[in-house]
Amino acid sequence: MQEIDQGDYVHHLPTRTHWARRWPSRALGCLAANGLLVLSACNGGGVTRVEDSGQGQGPSEPAASTPAQPPTAEPGAVGVWLSASVDSSQIVTVNARVVFERPVYRFSVQTRSTELSDQIGDFQPRLRALEVSAPGQPPRTINGPGDKRDITFAVPLKSVDLTYEVDGVVQTAQPSSSGRMLVFVTGVQIPAAASLPRLISVDGALNLGCGAPAETVLSACGHAGDTGWTVLLRRANADQSVFAQVDSADTT
């Protein structure tokens, strides 16, 4: 069965250094534009600096943020294509295409928190709006805040397109004058697709960090593109949490 492949995307994991230090509780992380991680505890605690892996070239200046575009999927390929962008009010808009392994009548979209996200900051993901479209089906719109949305169709579907807004997934770096924000990109999940490979793009991102949800260790991941950063998570690490640093000056 065909799955998401790297194609033009390369998943770079660091070889020289990794973010192996346990993070202090309630720490607030920010990823610097030069590829170094700077982690500062809320009480002004220690700082962790980690070198870039040298495999991905980050932008020398913040990339301009552009509205999230619908991901493009190869016909029939199984997986999740996800594109995210952040606006000036710290609302994250996500466009996603999900191609299931087998047709489904019902699936849910819900927020998630992990030990890793709890260690990094006070993230409290909350869905604000959700639009669902599928071949041969009328589009659906569900407005209002919530933690979970259940979607049911009269016929089984192999793929769906989602657009949703989520808040509570952005933390402002300390000191706030730095203008940097840390985004918990994977603060929303689709349990029926949780084990599928995922291709995640973040518009305007300066860099990305990934980590297993039950750990407090984050590793550099992904690579720079024209308007942000992208990472491919294969089945073996599809459950990893993904974080992005965004410069607030590039939000709209």
Foldseek 3Di string as FASTA:
>chain_A
DAADDCVVWDKDFADPKWQPDFFAAQKAWFQDLQRWIWIARPVRDDTDTDHHSVPFDFDPDFFFFDDWDADDDDPPHAFKEKEWEAALVRKIKIKMKGFAPDWDFKWKKFFDAFPQNRRHHFADKKWAKKWKDAPPDDIDIDGGIDGMDMDGHPDTGRMMIMITIMHRFKDQDPVNVVQKIKGFVPRMDIVSRQQAKYKYWYFRFSFKWKDARHGNTITGIFHDDNGYTIGIGHSVRSRITMMTMHGSVNHD
